Each structure stands twice: as structure tokens, then as C-alpha cells.
Amino acid sequence: AREPGGAASDPLQVDAILRRELYLPGLAVALVGRDEVLWARAFGYRDALRREKSYHPTDYPHVLTFSLNYSVPFKAENKAVNFLLGGWQLSTVNTYSSGARLFPTTSNPLPYFNLGLRPNVVSSNVRSTISMSEYDPNDPTKNTYLLRSAFANPGPGELSNAARALETRGPGRLDESFSFMKQTKIGERFTTQLRVEMQNPLNRVVFGNPITDFTNAAFGRIAS
């Protein structure tokens, strides 16, 4: 029980935040007059504006980040052995996250106000069957992430039928780093430190997002 006026001290504290981000295309959507609304209904422009609502580019639904620091418990009677093997610390920082949202674009020849043009999605299967473990940017048979055949340019004077962001995401990220550190006191005034740090010690290949410009011949491929 806690005494009145005392402060609680919990050994474990967990904070959880549920966040959903929504990208709004701008205030111009809400500032249309009666004639513009009638025109929008006639040509389906209102549906196009609804498709402009999308996820934020920094939307990552799954992110796991943790760090560990372990001090090796070692102490020997022999000073020389204690100097060599005592005082070591092991540390690791790891981050794992789902891929980023993909925002396809194409050339925009529309003569009237719009928020950019995207290619039409003509197939529900936009992702290739090549897994990231098999992906090879130098092999033409294994370097396709998005299927170009699943997209097509809108007709003249038409807006895209696709949402701003695809449901398919880019490659996930796996990032680890490890370090070994030894601190040794020399007398009462000096402390020496030996540190070894390793980035990506498991030699993971971390791919970037595929090219999402439909006018680019390498659309759907990962270039970095």
C-alpha cells in the first residue's frame, strides 16, 4: 500500500499509443460552390476527391525497436586476469518495421485543376510472386516488385481509378547493431574504454522502395 502523499514507484512501465494518420488533399475540396458540386456529380469528380484521402507517407503500422545492455559478471582474484576479462559490456539495438506506403504517379496532361495523376489499377494483383529472399536486382527474371501489367494510364481527360497509396507496401526493414565495450579504471582519476561496434552484423540486404513513376521504364523495380 502507498502512504498518503507518497509517490508510486513501478519497476515496469508500458505506454501504448494507437495512431491512425489520414492525409487530406487540401481545403480546396471544401471550398467548392453549388455549380462545382453539380459538375462533380455529373463527371464523377467527387469520387476522385474521395480517393485523394490516403495514408500518410510515414505510416508504418508495425514497428518494433528494442535495446539491450548486459554487463558480464566477472571478477577474479588475479589482478591480471581481472584486468583482461572483467568490465565487459554487451549491447544491441534492433529495429524491425513493415514497409513504407507506395504512391504511384504518371504524367499529368489534364488541363484543369487536379491533385496529380496516377495510373489506373487494372488488376488486384499488383505484387509480383518474387519474394524478397529471391529478389535479385541484376537478374531480369527476379527484379520485379510491382507488376507493370497491373497498371495503365487513364484515358484522355480522365482521372485515375486508384487511391493515392497502394495497399501493397515496400520491403520491410530489418536493422541490427551490436557492440562490445570494456571499461577499465586506472587509479582514481582515469578510465580507459575499448569499444567495438558492428552495424548489420548479420549482413542483411535492406532494399529500398521500388520505382513508382509509371513513365519510367524501370517502374516496379528496386534500384537501391
Protein backbone atom coordinates (compact mmCIF):
# COMPACT_ATOMS: atom_id res chain seq x y z
CA ALA A 1 0.00 0.00 0.00
CA ARG A 2 1.14 3.53 -0.70
CA GLU A 3 1.23 6.11 2.03
CA PRO A 4 -0.92 9.25 1.52
CA GLY A 5 1.04 11.82 -0.44
CA GLY A 6 3.71 9.29 -1.41
CA ALA A 7 4.83 8.61 -4.95
CA ALA A 8 4.33 5.23 -6.61
CA SER A 9 7.41 3.50 -7.97
CA ASP A 10 6.67 0.80 -10.55
CA PRO A 11 9.55 -1.36 -11.85
CA LEU A 12 7.86 -1.77 -15.25
CA GLN A 13 6.08 0.92 -17.19
CA VAL A 14 4.43 0.33 -20.55
CA ASP A 15 2.91 3.04 -22.73
CA ALA A 16 0.79 2.12 -25.73
CA ILE A 17 -0.39 4.58 -28.35
CA LEU A 18 -2.80 3.72 -31.16
CA ARG A 19 -2.47 6.16 -34.01
CA ARG A 20 -4.11 6.38 -37.41
CA GLU A 21 -2.94 9.07 -39.80
CA LEU A 22 -5.03 10.34 -42.69
CA TYR A 23 -3.69 12.53 -45.48
CA LEU A 24 -6.10 15.31 -46.56
CA PRO A 25 -5.60 16.75 -50.04
CA GLY A 26 -6.36 20.35 -49.05
CA LEU A 27 -9.04 22.86 -48.19
CA ALA A 28 -9.96 23.36 -51.83
CA VAL A 29 -12.19 20.28 -51.56
CA ALA A 30 -14.39 22.01 -49.00
CA LEU A 31 -14.49 25.38 -50.78
CA VAL A 32 -16.42 24.42 -53.92
CA GLY A 33 -19.67 26.14 -54.86
CA ARG A 34 -23.02 24.74 -55.94
CA ASP A 35 -22.15 24.67 -59.65
CA GLU A 36 -18.88 22.88 -58.99
CA VAL A 37 -20.69 20.26 -56.89
CA LEU A 38 -23.19 19.60 -59.68
CA TRP A 39 -20.35 19.33 -62.17
CA ALA A 40 -18.51 16.97 -59.85
CA ARG A 41 -21.55 14.71 -59.56
CA ALA A 42 -22.01 14.67 -63.32
CA PHE A 43 -18.45 13.64 -64.09
CA GLY A 44 -17.66 11.54 -61.01
CA TYR A 45 -15.14 14.08 -59.74
CA ARG A 46 -16.43 13.74 -56.19
CA ASP A 47 -15.38 10.07 -56.16
CA ALA A 48 -11.97 11.16 -57.41
CA LEU A 49 -11.65 13.55 -54.49
CA ARG A 50 -12.55 10.78 -52.07
CA ARG A 51 -9.69 8.73 -53.48
CA GLU A 52 -7.32 11.56 -52.59
CA LYS A 53 -7.77 10.72 -48.91
CA SER A 54 -5.00 8.34 -48.11
CA TYR A 55 -2.43 7.16 -45.61
CA HIS A 56 0.42 9.42 -44.65
CA PRO A 57 3.77 8.60 -46.32
CA THR A 58 5.26 7.86 -42.88
CA ASP A 59 2.56 5.32 -42.00
CA TYR A 60 4.27 2.22 -40.55
CA PRO A 61 1.71 0.04 -38.74
CA HIS A 62 4.27 -2.35 -37.26
CA VAL A 63 7.47 -1.05 -35.69
CA LEU A 64 9.47 -2.94 -33.08
CA THR A 65 12.53 -1.27 -31.56
CA PHE A 66 14.39 -2.58 -28.54
CA SER A 67 17.84 -2.32 -27.00
CA LEU A 68 19.70 -4.50 -24.52
CA ASN A 69 22.73 -3.81 -22.37
CA TYR A 70 24.39 -6.63 -20.43
CA SER A 71 27.31 -6.26 -18.04
CA VAL A 72 29.28 -9.50 -17.88
CA PRO A 73 29.58 -10.50 -14.20
CA PHE A 74 33.21 -11.47 -13.86
CA LYS A 75 35.67 -10.92 -11.04
CA ALA A 76 38.83 -12.88 -10.36
CA GLU A 77 41.37 -12.89 -7.55
CA ASN A 78 44.22 -12.49 -10.01
CA LYS A 79 44.57 -8.83 -10.98
CA ALA A 80 45.93 -9.60 -14.43
CA VAL A 81 43.05 -11.94 -15.26
CA ASN A 82 40.55 -9.47 -13.84
CA PHE A 83 42.11 -6.69 -15.94
CA LEU A 84 41.71 -8.70 -19.15
CA LEU A 85 38.32 -10.37 -18.61
CA GLY A 86 36.49 -8.04 -16.23
CA GLY A 87 34.42 -4.97 -17.04
CA TRP A 88 32.96 -6.13 -20.36
CA GLN A 89 29.53 -4.97 -21.56
CA LEU A 90 27.46 -6.28 -24.47
CA SER A 91 24.87 -4.04 -26.16
CA THR A 92 22.45 -4.37 -29.04
CA VAL A 93 19.94 -2.06 -30.73
CA ASN A 94 17.40 -3.62 -33.09
CA THR A 95 14.65 -2.14 -35.25
CA TYR A 96 12.14 -4.10 -37.32
CA SER A 97 9.35 -2.41 -39.26
CA SER A 98 6.87 -3.04 -42.04
CA GLY A 99 7.46 -1.44 -45.42
CA ALA A 100 6.55 2.09 -46.44
CA ARG A 101 3.48 3.06 -48.43
CA LEU A 102 3.87 3.21 -52.21
CA PHE A 103 2.49 6.18 -54.17
CA PRO A 104 2.43 5.53 -57.95
CA THR A 105 2.43 8.52 -60.30
CA THR A 106 2.29 9.14 -64.04
CA SER A 107 2.45 12.09 -66.45
CA ASN A 108 -0.33 14.64 -65.91
CA PRO A 109 -1.74 16.14 -69.14
CA LEU A 110 -5.06 17.22 -67.55
CA PRO A 111 -5.76 20.90 -68.33
CA TYR A 112 -7.93 21.55 -65.27
CA PHE A 113 -7.33 21.69 -61.52
CA ASN A 114 -6.35 18.34 -60.02
CA LEU A 115 -4.12 16.93 -57.34
CA GLY A 116 -1.81 14.98 -59.62
CA LEU A 117 -2.42 11.95 -61.79
CA ARG A 118 -1.85 8.30 -61.04
CA PRO A 119 -2.05 5.25 -63.29
CA ASN A 120 -5.22 3.19 -63.21
CA VAL A 121 -5.11 -0.09 -61.33
CA VAL A 122 -6.45 -2.70 -63.75
CA SER A 123 -5.68 -5.78 -61.65
CA SER A 124 -5.99 -6.61 -57.97
CA ASN A 125 -2.68 -8.47 -58.16
CA VAL A 126 -0.08 -5.69 -58.31
CA ARG A 127 2.72 -7.51 -56.46
CA SER A 128 4.95 -9.98 -58.23
CA THR A 129 5.38 -13.50 -56.86
CA ILE A 130 9.11 -12.97 -56.25
CA SER A 131 9.87 -12.99 -52.52
CA MET A 132 12.50 -10.68 -51.05
CA SER A 133 14.72 -13.67 -50.29
CA GLU A 134 14.78 -14.43 -54.03
CA TYR A 135 14.92 -10.84 -55.28
CA ASP A 136 17.97 -10.02 -57.41
CA PRO A 137 18.19 -6.52 -58.95
CA ASN A 138 20.71 -7.80 -61.52
CA ASP A 139 18.56 -10.69 -62.75
CA PRO A 140 15.77 -9.65 -65.19
CA THR A 141 13.71 -12.66 -64.12
CA LYS A 142 13.92 -11.76 -60.43
CA ASN A 143 13.99 -7.96 -60.27
CA THR A 144 10.26 -7.14 -60.48
CA TYR A 145 8.46 -5.97 -57.34
CA LEU A 146 5.33 -4.35 -58.83
CA LEU A 147 3.72 -5.77 -61.96
CA ARG A 148 3.60 -3.17 -64.71
CA SER A 149 0.76 -5.10 -66.36
CA ALA A 150 -1.46 -4.30 -63.33
CA PHE A 151 -1.41 -0.57 -64.21
CA ALA A 152 -2.44 1.55 -67.19
CA ASN A 153 -2.57 5.24 -67.98
CA PRO A 154 -6.03 6.84 -67.72
CA GLY A 155 -7.77 7.84 -70.94
CA PRO A 156 -7.66 11.41 -72.25
CA GLY A 157 -9.33 13.82 -69.81
CA GLU A 158 -9.88 11.09 -67.19
CA LEU A 159 -8.75 10.84 -63.59
CA SER A 160 -7.28 7.68 -62.12
CA ASN A 161 -9.41 5.00 -60.51
CA ALA A 162 -6.63 4.27 -57.99
CA ALA A 163 -6.24 5.57 -54.47
CA ARG A 164 -3.26 7.77 -53.69
CA ALA A 165 -1.44 4.93 -51.90
CA LEU A 166 -1.38 1.25 -52.77
CA GLU A 167 -2.30 -1.37 -50.21
CA THR A 168 0.91 -3.14 -51.22
CA ARG A 169 3.88 -1.86 -49.26
CA GLY A 170 7.57 -1.64 -49.97
CA PRO A 171 10.08 -4.08 -48.46
CA GLY A 172 10.23 -4.27 -44.68
CA ARG A 173 13.29 -3.18 -42.75
CA LEU A 174 15.44 -5.36 -40.51
CA ASP A 175 18.18 -3.44 -38.74
CA GLU A 176 20.54 -4.73 -36.06
CA SER A 177 23.65 -3.35 -34.44
CA PHE A 178 25.89 -4.86 -31.75
CA SER A 179 28.71 -3.52 -29.63
CA PHE A 180 31.29 -4.86 -27.17
CA MET A 181 32.74 -2.47 -24.65
CA LYS A 182 35.28 -2.79 -21.85
CA GLN A 183 35.91 -0.11 -19.24
CA THR A 184 38.95 -0.27 -17.00
CA LYS A 185 39.76 2.11 -14.16
CA ILE A 186 43.37 3.19 -13.83
CA GLY A 187 43.80 4.60 -10.39
CA GLU A 188 41.13 7.02 -9.19
CA ARG A 189 41.34 9.63 -11.96
CA PHE A 190 41.46 7.75 -15.25
CA THR A 191 39.24 5.25 -17.05
CA THR A 192 40.07 3.57 -20.34
CA GLN A 193 37.44 2.29 -22.72
CA LEU A 194 37.75 -0.26 -25.51
CA ARG A 195 34.74 -0.35 -27.83
CA VAL A 196 33.88 -2.46 -30.88
CA GLU A 197 30.70 -1.60 -32.81
CA MET A 198 29.15 -3.55 -35.67
CA GLN A 199 26.39 -2.32 -37.98
CA ASN A 200 24.35 -5.02 -39.70
CA PRO A 201 26.47 -7.90 -38.34
CA LEU A 202 24.09 -10.46 -39.87
CA ASN A 203 24.79 -8.98 -43.33
CA ARG A 204 21.14 -8.47 -44.18
CA VAL A 205 20.26 -6.94 -47.55
CA VAL A 206 18.00 -3.94 -46.95
CA PHE A 207 16.18 -2.92 -50.14
CA GLY A 208 14.65 0.48 -50.80
CA ASN A 209 11.22 1.11 -52.33
CA PRO A 210 10.53 0.23 -55.97
CA ILE A 211 10.30 2.93 -58.62
CA THR A 212 6.69 4.18 -58.66
CA ASP A 213 6.88 6.59 -61.64
CA PHE A 214 4.82 4.83 -64.32
CA THR A 215 6.58 6.78 -67.08
CA ASN A 216 9.90 5.24 -66.04
CA ALA A 217 10.89 2.12 -67.97
CA ALA A 218 12.07 0.58 -64.69
CA PHE A 219 8.68 1.02 -62.99
CA GLY A 220 8.14 -1.59 -60.29
CA ARG A 221 11.82 -2.42 -59.89
CA ILE A 222 14.04 -1.67 -56.90
CA ALA A 223 17.04 0.43 -57.75
CA SER A 224 18.56 0.82 -54.28
